[in-house]
PDB file of N, CA and C in Angstrom:
ATOM      1  N   SER A   1       0.833  -1.201   0.000  1.00  0.00           N
ATOM      2  CA  SER A   1       0.000   0.000   0.000  1.00  0.00           C
ATOM      3  C   SER A   1       0.865   1.247   0.000  1.00  0.00           C
ATOM      4  N   GLY A   2       1.783   1.352  -1.006  1.00  0.00           N
ATOM      5  CA  GLY A   2       2.634   2.529  -1.118  1.00  0.00           C
ATOM      6  C   GLY A   2       1.893   3.687  -1.749  1.00  0.00           C
ATOM      7  N   ILE A   3       2.543   4.799  -1.796  1.00  0.00           N
ATOM      8  CA  ILE A   3       1.970   5.993  -2.406  1.00  0.00           C
ATOM      9  C   ILE A   3       2.171   5.883  -3.911  1.00  0.00           C
ATOM     10  N   ASP A   4       1.126   6.124  -4.686  1.00  0.00           N
ATOM     11  CA  ASP A   4       1.254   5.966  -6.136  1.00  0.00           C
ATOM     12  C   ASP A   4       1.956   7.166  -6.772  1.00  0.00           C
ATOM     13  N   LYS A   5       2.341   6.970  -8.037  1.00  0.00           N
ATOM     14  CA  LYS A   5       3.112   7.964  -8.770  1.00  0.00           C
ATOM     15  C   LYS A   5       2.391   9.308  -8.842  1.00  0.00           C
ATOM     16  N   HIS A   6       1.096   9.290  -9.056  1.00  0.00           N
ATOM     17  CA  HIS A   6       0.312  10.533  -9.140  1.00  0.00           C
ATOM     18  C   HIS A   6       0.411  11.322  -7.833  1.00  0.00           C
ATOM     19  N   ASP A   7       0.238  10.639  -6.706  1.00  0.00           N
ATOM     20  CA  ASP A   7       0.309  11.319  -5.408  1.00  0.00           C
ATOM     21  C   ASP A   7       1.726  11.828  -5.126  1.00  0.00           C
ATOM     22  N   GLN A   8       2.733  11.079  -5.573  1.00  0.00           N
ATOM     23  CA  GLN A   8       4.110  11.543  -5.387  1.00  0.00           C
ATOM     24  C   GLN A   8       4.366  12.813  -6.194  1.00  0.00           C
ATOM     25  N   LYS A   9       3.859  12.852  -7.428  1.00  0.00           N
ATOM     26  CA  LYS A   9       4.039  14.052  -8.242  1.00  0.00           C
ATOM     27  C   LYS A   9       3.305  15.245  -7.633  1.00  0.00           C
ATOM     28  N   LEU A  10       2.104  15.026  -7.123  1.00  0.00           N
ATOM     29  CA  LEU A  10       1.383  16.116  -6.445  1.00  0.00           C
ATOM     30  C   LEU A  10       2.153  16.595  -5.220  1.00  0.00           C
ATOM     31  N   GLY A  11       2.736  15.656  -4.489  1.00  0.00           N
ATOM     32  CA  GLY A  11       3.536  16.006  -3.314  1.00  0.00           C
ATOM     33  C   GLY A  11       4.726  16.877  -3.682  1.00  0.00           C
ATOM     34  N   ILE A  12       5.387  16.549  -4.792  1.00  0.00           N
ATOM     35  CA  ILE A  12       6.508  17.369  -5.251  1.00  0.00           C
ATOM     36  C   ILE A  12       6.024  18.772  -5.590  1.00  0.00           C
ATOM     37  N   LEU A  13       4.923  18.883  -6.313  1.00  0.00           N
ATOM     38  CA  LEU A  13       4.397  20.198  -6.693  1.00  0.00           C
ATOM     39  C   LEU A  13       4.030  21.023  -5.468  1.00  0.00           C
ATOM     40  N   ARG A  14       3.488  20.374  -4.444  1.00  0.00           N
ATOM     41  CA  ARG A  14       3.128  21.100  -3.212  1.00  0.00           C
ATOM     42  C   ARG A  14       4.370  21.663  -2.513  1.00  0.00           C
ATOM     43  N   MET A  15       5.506  21.015  -2.679  1.00  0.00           N
ATOM     44  CA  MET A  15       6.736  21.485  -2.032  1.00  0.00           C
ATOM     45  C   MET A  15       7.212  22.817  -2.584  1.00  0.00           C
ATOM     46  N   PHE A  16       6.794  23.155  -3.800  1.00  0.00           N
ATOM     47  CA  PHE A  16       7.205  24.436  -4.357  1.00  0.00           C
ATOM     48  C   PHE A  16       6.675  25.589  -3.523  1.00  0.00           C
ATOM     49  N   GLY A  17       5.422  25.491  -3.068  1.00  0.00           N
ATOM     50  CA  GLY A  17       4.846  26.584  -2.292  1.00  0.00           C
ATOM     51  C   GLY A  17       5.048  27.892  -3.025  1.00  0.00           C
ATOM     52  N   GLU A  18       5.709  28.829  -2.379  1.00  0.00           N
ATOM     53  CA  GLU A  18       5.986  30.133  -2.985  1.00  0.00           C
ATOM     54  C   GLU A  18       7.339  30.164  -3.688  1.00  0.00           C
ATOM     55  N   LYS A  19       8.090  29.073  -3.634  1.00  0.00           N
ATOM     56  CA  LYS A  19       9.422  29.045  -4.241  1.00  0.00           C
ATOM     57  C   LYS A  19       9.316  28.895  -5.761  1.00  0.00           C
ATOM     58  N   GLU A  20      10.285  29.456  -6.454  1.00  0.00           N
ATOM     59  CA  GLU A  20      10.367  29.282  -7.899  1.00  0.00           C
ATOM     60  C   GLU A  20      11.159  28.032  -8.243  1.00  0.00           C
ATOM     61  N   GLU A  21      12.020  27.595  -7.334  1.00  0.00           N
ATOM     62  CA  GLU A  21      12.913  26.482  -7.618  1.00  0.00           C
ATOM     63  C   GLU A  21      13.140  25.673  -6.345  1.00  0.00           C
ATOM     64  N   ILE A  22      13.204  24.376  -6.497  1.00  0.00           N
ATOM     65  CA  ILE A  22      13.602  23.506  -5.397  1.00  0.00           C
ATOM     66  C   ILE A  22      14.626  22.506  -5.929  1.00  0.00           C
ATOM     67  N   THR A  23      15.476  22.039  -5.053  1.00  0.00           N
ATOM     68  CA  THR A  23      16.503  21.080  -5.461  1.00  0.00           C
ATOM     69  C   THR A  23      16.060  19.665  -5.115  1.00  0.00           C
ATOM     70  N   SER A  24      16.689  18.714  -5.777  1.00  0.00           N
ATOM     71  CA  SER A  24      16.382  17.314  -5.465  1.00  0.00           C
ATOM     72  C   SER A  24      16.748  17.007  -4.028  1.00  0.00           C
ATOM     73  N   GLU A  25      17.793  17.655  -3.516  1.00  0.00           N
ATOM     74  CA  GLU A  25      18.175  17.445  -2.113  1.00  0.00           C
ATOM     75  C   GLU A  25      17.051  17.874  -1.177  1.00  0.00           C
ATOM     76  N   GLU A  26      16.421  19.023  -1.479  1.00  0.00           N
ATOM     77  CA  GLU A  26      15.301  19.488  -0.660  1.00  0.00           C
ATOM     78  C   GLU A  26      14.145  18.496  -0.704  1.00  0.00           C
ATOM     79  N   ILE A  27      13.853  18.008  -1.900  1.00  0.00           N
ATOM     80  CA  ILE A  27      12.738  17.065  -2.035  1.00  0.00           C
ATOM     81  C   ILE A  27      13.028  15.788  -1.268  1.00  0.00           C
ATOM     82  N   MET A  28      14.238  15.265  -1.403  1.00  0.00           N
ATOM     83  CA  MET A  28      14.588  14.021  -0.709  1.00  0.00           C
ATOM     84  C   MET A  28      14.582  14.235   0.807  1.00  0.00           C
ATOM     85  N   ARG A  29      15.056  15.402   1.265  1.00  0.00           N
ATOM     86  CA  ARG A  29      15.116  15.683   2.697  1.00  0.00           C
ATOM     87  C   ARG A  29      13.721  15.920   3.277  1.00  0.00           C
ATOM     88  N   GLU A  30      12.916  16.702   2.589  1.00  0.00           N
ATOM     89  CA  GLU A  30      11.608  17.097   3.114  1.00  0.00           C
ATOM     90  C   GLU A  30      10.484  16.194   2.633  1.00  0.00           C
ATOM     91  N   GLY A  31      10.776  15.370   1.637  1.00  0.00           N
ATOM     92  CA  GLY A  31       9.716  14.626   0.990  1.00  0.00           C
ATOM     93  C   GLY A  31       9.555  13.185   1.418  1.00  0.00           C
ATOM     94  N   GLY A  32      10.091  12.833   2.569  1.00  0.00           N
ATOM     95  CA  GLY A  32       9.968  11.460   3.024  1.00  0.00           C
ATOM     96  C   GLY A  32       8.530  10.998   3.140  1.00  0.00           C
ATOM     97  N   GLY A  33       7.625  11.914   3.401  1.00  0.00           N
ATOM     98  CA  GLY A  33       6.224  11.563   3.570  1.00  0.00           C
ATOM     99  C   GLY A  33       5.507  11.193   2.280  1.00  0.00           C
ATOM    100  N   ILE A  34       6.153  11.419   1.134  1.00  0.00           N
ATOM    101  CA  ILE A  34       5.500  11.057  -0.126  1.00  0.00           C
ATOM    102  C   ILE A  34       6.120   9.808  -0.738  1.00  0.00           C
ATOM    103  N   GLY A  35       6.951   9.135   0.024  1.00  0.00           N
ATOM    104  CA  GLY A  35       7.407   7.811  -0.368  1.00  0.00           C
ATOM    105  C   GLY A  35       8.397   7.742  -1.510  1.00  0.00           C
ATOM    106  N   ILE A  36       9.245   8.748  -1.668  1.00  0.00           N
ATOM    107  CA  ILE A  36      10.278   8.693  -2.697  1.00  0.00           C
ATOM    108  C   ILE A  36      11.531   8.121  -2.041  1.00  0.00           C
ATOM    109  N   ALA A  37      11.837   6.884  -2.389  1.00  0.00           N
ATOM    110  CA  ALA A  37      12.882   6.162  -1.679  1.00  0.00           C
ATOM    111  C   ALA A  37      14.271   6.319  -2.286  1.00  0.00           C
ATOM    112  N   SER A  38      14.363   6.810  -3.521  1.00  0.00           N
ATOM    113  CA  SER A  38      15.677   6.905  -4.142  1.00  0.00           C
ATOM    114  C   SER A  38      15.763   8.105  -5.069  1.00  0.00           C
ATOM    115  N   GLU A  39      16.992   8.523  -5.312  1.00  0.00           N
ATOM    116  CA  GLU A  39      17.244   9.623  -6.245  1.00  0.00           C
ATOM    117  C   GLU A  39      16.776   9.245  -7.655  1.00  0.00           C
ATOM    118  N   GLU A  40      16.943   7.975  -8.020  1.00  0.00           N
ATOM    119  CA  GLU A  40      16.518   7.529  -9.347  1.00  0.00           C
ATOM    120  C   GLU A  40      15.006   7.669  -9.514  1.00  0.00           C
ATOM    121  N   ARG A  41      14.264   7.309  -8.477  1.00  0.00           N
ATOM    122  CA  ARG A  41      12.802   7.452  -8.520  1.00  0.00           C
ATOM    123  C   ARG A  41      12.425   8.921  -8.657  1.00  0.00           C
ATOM    124  N   LEU A  42      13.106   9.782  -7.909  1.00  0.00           N
ATOM    125  CA  LEU A  42      12.823  11.212  -7.960  1.00  0.00           C
ATOM    126  C   LEU A  42      13.089  11.765  -9.355  1.00  0.00           C
ATOM    127  N   VAL A  43      14.205  11.387  -9.975  1.00  0.00           N
ATOM    128  CA  VAL A  43      14.517  11.861 -11.328  1.00  0.00           C
ATOM    129  C   VAL A  43      13.408  11.452 -12.294  1.00  0.00           C
ATOM    130  N   GLY A  44      12.933  10.225 -12.172  1.00  0.00           N
ATOM    131  CA  GLY A  44      11.837   9.766 -13.030  1.00  0.00           C
ATOM    132  C   GLY A  44      10.580  10.591 -12.852  1.00  0.00           C
ATOM    133  N   LEU A  45      10.262  10.912 -11.605  1.00  0.00           N
ATOM    134  CA  LEU A  45       9.072  11.732 -11.335  1.00  0.00           C
ATOM    135  C   LEU A  45       9.237  13.141 -11.887  1.00  0.00           C
ATOM    136  N   LEU A  46      10.432  13.726 -11.714  1.00  0.00           N
ATOM    137  CA  LEU A  46      10.666  15.077 -12.223  1.00  0.00           C
ATOM    138  C   LEU A  46      10.615  15.113 -13.752  1.00  0.00           C
ATOM    139  N   LYS A  47      11.176  14.103 -14.393  1.00  0.00           N
ATOM    140  CA  LYS A  47      11.103  14.045 -15.860  1.00  0.00           C
ATOM    141  C   LYS A  47       9.662  13.888 -16.330  1.00  0.00           C
ATOM    142  N   SER A  48       8.879  13.118 -15.599  1.00  0.00           N
ATOM    143  CA  SER A  48       7.472  12.947 -15.935  1.00  0.00           C
ATOM    144  C   SER A  48       6.723  14.276 -15.804  1.00  0.00           C
ATOM    145  N   LEU A  49       6.990  15.007 -14.723  1.00  0.00           N
ATOM    146  CA  LEU A  49       6.362  16.323 -14.531  1.00  0.00           C
ATOM    147  C   LEU A  49       6.787  17.287 -15.632  1.00  0.00           C
ATOM    148  N   GLN A  50       8.036  17.197 -16.052  1.00  0.00           N
ATOM    149  CA  GLN A  50       8.513  18.058 -17.135  1.00  0.00           C
ATOM    150  C   GLN A  50       7.797  17.713 -18.438  1.00  0.00           C
ATOM    151  N   ASN A  51       7.627  16.423 -18.726  1.00  0.00           N
ATOM    152  CA  ASN A  51       6.916  16.009 -19.938  1.00  0.00           C
ATOM    153  C   ASN A  51       5.476  16.489 -19.941  1.00  0.00           C
ATOM    154  N   GLU A  52       4.900  16.653 -18.747  1.00  0.00           N
ATOM    155  CA  GLU A  52       3.532  17.159 -18.629  1.00  0.00           C
ATOM    156  C   GLU A  52       3.486  18.684 -18.713  1.00  0.00           C
ATOM    157  N   GLY A  53       4.660  19.321 -18.740  1.00  0.00           N
ATOM    158  CA  GLY A  53       4.728  20.769 -18.886  1.00  0.00           C
ATOM    159  C   GLY A  53       4.512  21.554 -17.612  1.00  0.00           C
ATOM    160  N   VAL A  54       4.622  20.931 -16.443  1.00  0.00           N
ATOM    161  CA  VAL A  54       4.355  21.659 -15.199  1.00  0.00           C
ATOM    162  C   VAL A  54       5.617  22.064 -14.447  1.00  0.00           C
ATOM    163  N   VAL A  55       6.753  21.474 -14.790  1.00  0.00           N
ATOM    164  CA  VAL A  55       8.032  21.904 -14.221  1.00  0.00           C
ATOM    165  C   VAL A  55       9.083  21.841 -15.309  1.00  0.00           C
ATOM    166  N   THR A  56      10.169  22.556 -15.094  1.00  0.00           N
ATOM    167  CA  THR A  56      11.358  22.344 -15.904  1.00  0.00           C
ATOM    168  C   THR A  56      12.363  21.653 -14.996  1.00  0.00           C
ATOM    169  N   TYR A  57      13.074  20.724 -15.568  1.00  0.00           N
ATOM    170  CA  TYR A  57      14.014  19.922 -14.796  1.00  0.00           C
ATOM    171  C   TYR A  57      15.372  20.034 -15.457  1.00  0.00           C
ATOM    172  N   THR A  58      16.374  20.414 -14.687  1.00  0.00           N
ATOM    173  CA  THR A  58      17.728  20.518 -15.189  1.00  0.00           C
ATOM    174  C   THR A  58      18.641  19.726 -14.264  1.00  0.00           C
ATOM    175  N   ALA A  59      19.354  18.775 -14.832  1.00  0.00           N
ATOM    176  CA  ALA A  59      20.325  18.019 -14.054  1.00  0.00           C
ATOM    177  C   ALA A  59      21.620  18.805 -14.023  1.00  0.00           C
ATOM    178  N   GLU A  60      22.139  19.039 -12.840  1.00  0.00           N
ATOM    179  CA  GLU A  60      23.390  19.769 -12.681  1.00  0.00           C
ATOM    180  C   GLU A  60      24.347  18.908 -11.885  1.00  0.00           C
ATOM    181  N   SER A  61      25.576  18.959 -12.251  1.00  0.00           N
ATOM    182  CA  SER A  61      26.601  18.230 -11.516  1.00  0.00           C
ATOM    183  C   SER A  61      27.117  19.124 -10.398  1.00  0.00           C
ATOM    184  N   ARG A  62      27.316  18.541  -9.241  1.00  0.00           N
ATOM    185  CA  ARG A  62      27.802  19.309  -8.110  1.00  0.00           C
ATOM    186  C   ARG A  62      28.796  18.466  -7.341  1.00  0.00           C
ATOM    187  N   ALA A  63      29.920  19.025  -7.054  1.00  0.00           N
ATOM    188  CA  ALA A  63      30.920  18.330  -6.250  1.00  0.00           C
ATOM    189  C   ALA A  63      30.881  18.888  -4.843  1.00  0.00           C
ATOM    190  N   ALA A  64      31.112  18.036  -3.885  1.00  0.00           N
ATOM    191  CA  ALA A  64      31.144  18.474  -2.497  1.00  0.00           C
ATOM    192  C   ALA A  64      32.370  17.870  -1.831  1.00  0.00           C
ATOM    193  N   ALA A  65      32.953  18.615  -0.933  1.00  0.00           N
ATOM    194  CA  ALA A  65      34.102  18.131  -0.174  1.00  0.00           C
ATOM    195  C   ALA A  65      33.795  18.291   1.304  1.00  0.00           C
ATOM    196  N   ARG A  66      34.290  17.388   2.063  1.00  0.00           N
ATOM    197  CA  ARG A  66      34.073  17.426   3.507  1.00  0.00           C
ATOM    198  C   ARG A  66      35.408  17.140   4.187  1.00  0.00           C
ATOM    199  N   ALA A  67      35.720  17.881   5.230  1.00  0.00           N
ATOM    200  CA  ALA A  67      36.971  17.680   5.955  1.00  0.00           C
ATOM    201  C   ALA A  67      36.954  16.328   6.661  1.00  0.00           C
ATOM    202  N   THR A  68      38.103  15.659   6.634  1.00  0.00           N
ATOM    203  CA  THR A  68      38.251  14.420   7.394  1.00  0.00           C
ATOM    204  C   THR A  68      38.443  14.766   8.863  1.00  0.00           C
ATOM    205  N   ARG A  69      38.544  13.753   9.687  1.00  0.00           N
ATOM    206  CA  ARG A  69      38.806  13.986  11.117  1.00  0.00           C
ATOM    207  C   ARG A  69      40.117  14.740  11.276  1.00  0.00           C
ATOM    208  N   GLU A  70      41.134  14.333  10.499  1.00  0.00           N
ATOM    209  CA  GLU A  70      42.429  14.999  10.566  1.00  0.00           C
ATOM    210  C   GLU A  70      42.326  16.449  10.091  1.00  0.00           C
ATOM    211  N   GLY A  71      41.530  16.685   9.052  1.00  0.00           N
ATOM    212  CA  GLY A  71      41.344  18.044   8.563  1.00  0.00           C
ATOM    213  C   GLY A  71      40.643  18.924   9.580  1.00  0.00           C
ATOM    214  N   ALA A  72      39.630  18.387  10.232  1.00  0.00           N
ATOM    215  CA  ALA A  72      38.919  19.147  11.261  1.00  0.00           C
ATOM    216  C   ALA A  72      39.846  19.464  12.427  1.00  0.00           C
ATOM    217  N   GLU A  73      40.702  18.516  12.779  1.00  0.00           N
ATOM    218  CA  GLU A  73      41.673  18.742  13.860  1.00  0.00           C
ATOM    219  C   GLU A  73      42.662  19.839  13.469  1.00  0.00           C
ATOM    220  N   ALA A  74      43.109  19.832  12.217  1.00  0.00           N
ATOM    221  CA  ALA A  74      44.035  20.863  11.754  1.00  0.00           C
ATOM    222  C   ALA A  74      43.369  22.232  11.763  1.00  0.00           C
ATOM    223  N   LEU A  75      42.088  22.285  11.420  1.00  0.00           N
ATOM    224  CA  LEU A  75      41.372  23.559  11.478  1.00  0.00           C
ATOM    225  C   LEU A  75      41.291  24.082  12.906  1.00  0.00           C
ATOM    226  N   GLU A  76      41.093  23.174  13.835  1.00  0.00           N
ATOM    227  CA  GLU A  76      40.943  23.579  15.236  1.00  0.00           C
ATOM    228  C   GLU A  76      42.274  23.881  15.906  1.00  0.00           C
ATOM    229  N   LEU A  77      43.281  23.029  15.688  1.00  0.00           N
ATOM    230  CA  LEU A  77      44.534  23.126  16.430  1.00  0.00           C
ATOM    231  C   LEU A  77      45.719  23.598  15.605  1.00  0.00           C
ATOM    232  N   GLY A  78      45.562  23.683  14.298  1.00  0.00           N
ATOM    233  CA  GLY A  78      46.669  24.005  13.415  1.00  0.00           C
ATOM    234  C   GLY A  78      47.222  22.726  12.807  1.00  0.00           C
ATOM    235  N   SER A  79      47.987  22.889  11.743  1.00  0.00           N
ATOM    236  CA  SER A  79      48.562  21.720  11.079  1.00  0.00           C
ATOM    237  C   SER A  79      49.580  21.054  12.000  1.00  0.00           C
ATOM    238  N   PRO A  80      49.892  19.775  11.764  1.00  0.00           N
ATOM    239  CA  PRO A  80      50.907  19.115  12.589  1.00  0.00           C
ATOM    240  C   PRO A  80      52.240  19.862  12.564  1.00  0.00           C
ATOM    241  N   GLU A  81      52.610  20.395  11.405  1.00  0.00           N
ATOM    242  CA  GLU A  81      53.858  21.152  11.303  1.00  0.00           C
ATOM    243  C   GLU A  81      53.818  22.407  12.168  1.00  0.00           C
ATOM    244  N   HIS A  82      52.683  23.101  12.119  1.00  0.00           N
ATOM    245  CA  HIS A  82      52.542  24.319  12.926  1.00  0.00           C
ATOM    246  C   HIS A  82      52.579  23.993  14.418  1.00  0.00           C
ATOM    247  N   ARG A  83      51.921  22.922  14.801  1.00  0.00           N
ATOM    248  CA  ARG A  83      51.945  22.535  16.217  1.00  0.00           C
ATOM    249  C   ARG A  83      53.361  22.192  16.670  1.00  0.00           C
ATOM    250  N   CYS A  84      54.118  21.526  15.808  1.00  0.00           N
ATOM    251  CA  CYS A  84      55.509  21.185  16.132  1.00  0.00           C
ATOM    252  C   CYS A  84      56.338  22.467  16.274  1.00  0.00           C
ATOM    253  N   TRP A  85      56.187  23.379  15.312  1.00  0.00           N
ATOM    254  CA  TRP A  85      56.916  24.642  15.359  1.00  0.00           C
ATOM    255  C   TRP A  85      56.566  25.420  16.626  1.00  0.00           C
ATOM    256  N   ARG A  86      55.271  25.459  16.962  1.00  0.00           N
ATOM    257  CA  ARG A  86      54.822  26.185  18.164  1.00  0.00           C
ATOM    258  C   ARG A  86      55.416  25.538  19.425  1.00  0.00           C
ATOM    259  N   TYR A  87      55.443  24.216  19.462  1.00  0.00           N
ATOM    260  CA  TYR A  87      56.009  23.503  20.621  1.00  0.00           C
ATOM    261  C   TYR A  87      57.488  23.856  20.783  1.00  0.00           C
ATOM    262  N   LEU A  88      58.221  23.868  19.646  1.00  0.00           N
ATOM    263  CA  LEU A  88      59.651  24.180  19.706  1.00  0.00           C
ATOM    264  C   LEU A  88      59.887  25.630  20.153  1.00  0.00           C
ATOM    265  N   GLN A  89      58.985  26.534  19.757  1.00  0.00           N
ATOM    266  CA  GLN A  89      59.095  27.928  20.182  1.00  0.00           C
ATOM    267  C   GLN A  89      58.828  28.073  21.683  1.00  0.00           C
ATOM    268  N   GLU A  90      57.893  27.283  22.180  1.00  0.00           N
ATOM    269  CA  GLU A  90      57.520  27.370  23.596  1.00  0.00           C
ATOM    270  C   GLU A  90      58.485  26.603  24.502  1.00  0.00           C
ATOM    271  N   HIS A  91      59.240  25.670  23.936  1.00  0.00           N
ATOM    272  CA  HIS A  91      60.162  24.822  24.725  1.00  0.00           C
ATOM    273  C   HIS A  91      61.547  24.823  24.075  1.00  0.00           C
ATOM    274  N   PRO A  92      62.251  25.967  24.106  1.00  0.00           N
ATOM    275  CA  PRO A  92      63.565  26.023  23.459  1.00  0.00           C
ATOM    276  C   PRO A  92      64.586  25.156  24.198  1.00  0.00           C
ATOM    277  N   GLY A  93      65.542  24.668  23.435  1.00  0.00           N
ATOM    278  CA  GLY A  93      66.684  23.948  24.005  1.00  0.00           C
ATOM    279  C   GLY A  93      66.319  22.617  24.441  1.00  0.00           C
TER     280      GLY A  93
END
């Protein structure tokens, strides 16, 4: 008893509200209640809505980077080299 394709498409349209544009990330994050379980399913629904003339759909490539644990530590405490240099400055000889 899942949500059918028609109801999922209506759910996507309702998410626009007053916005001119929404991202697939927004739909996936906020749209759990309309039963879209995968990005592939969402793309299919958006293409279907575009074929019906009610939305325009543009696929864009986006790269994202995230600091590792070591990177976050370097941001907080300085690089290992800087920490070594600081230690040597504070503890001469």
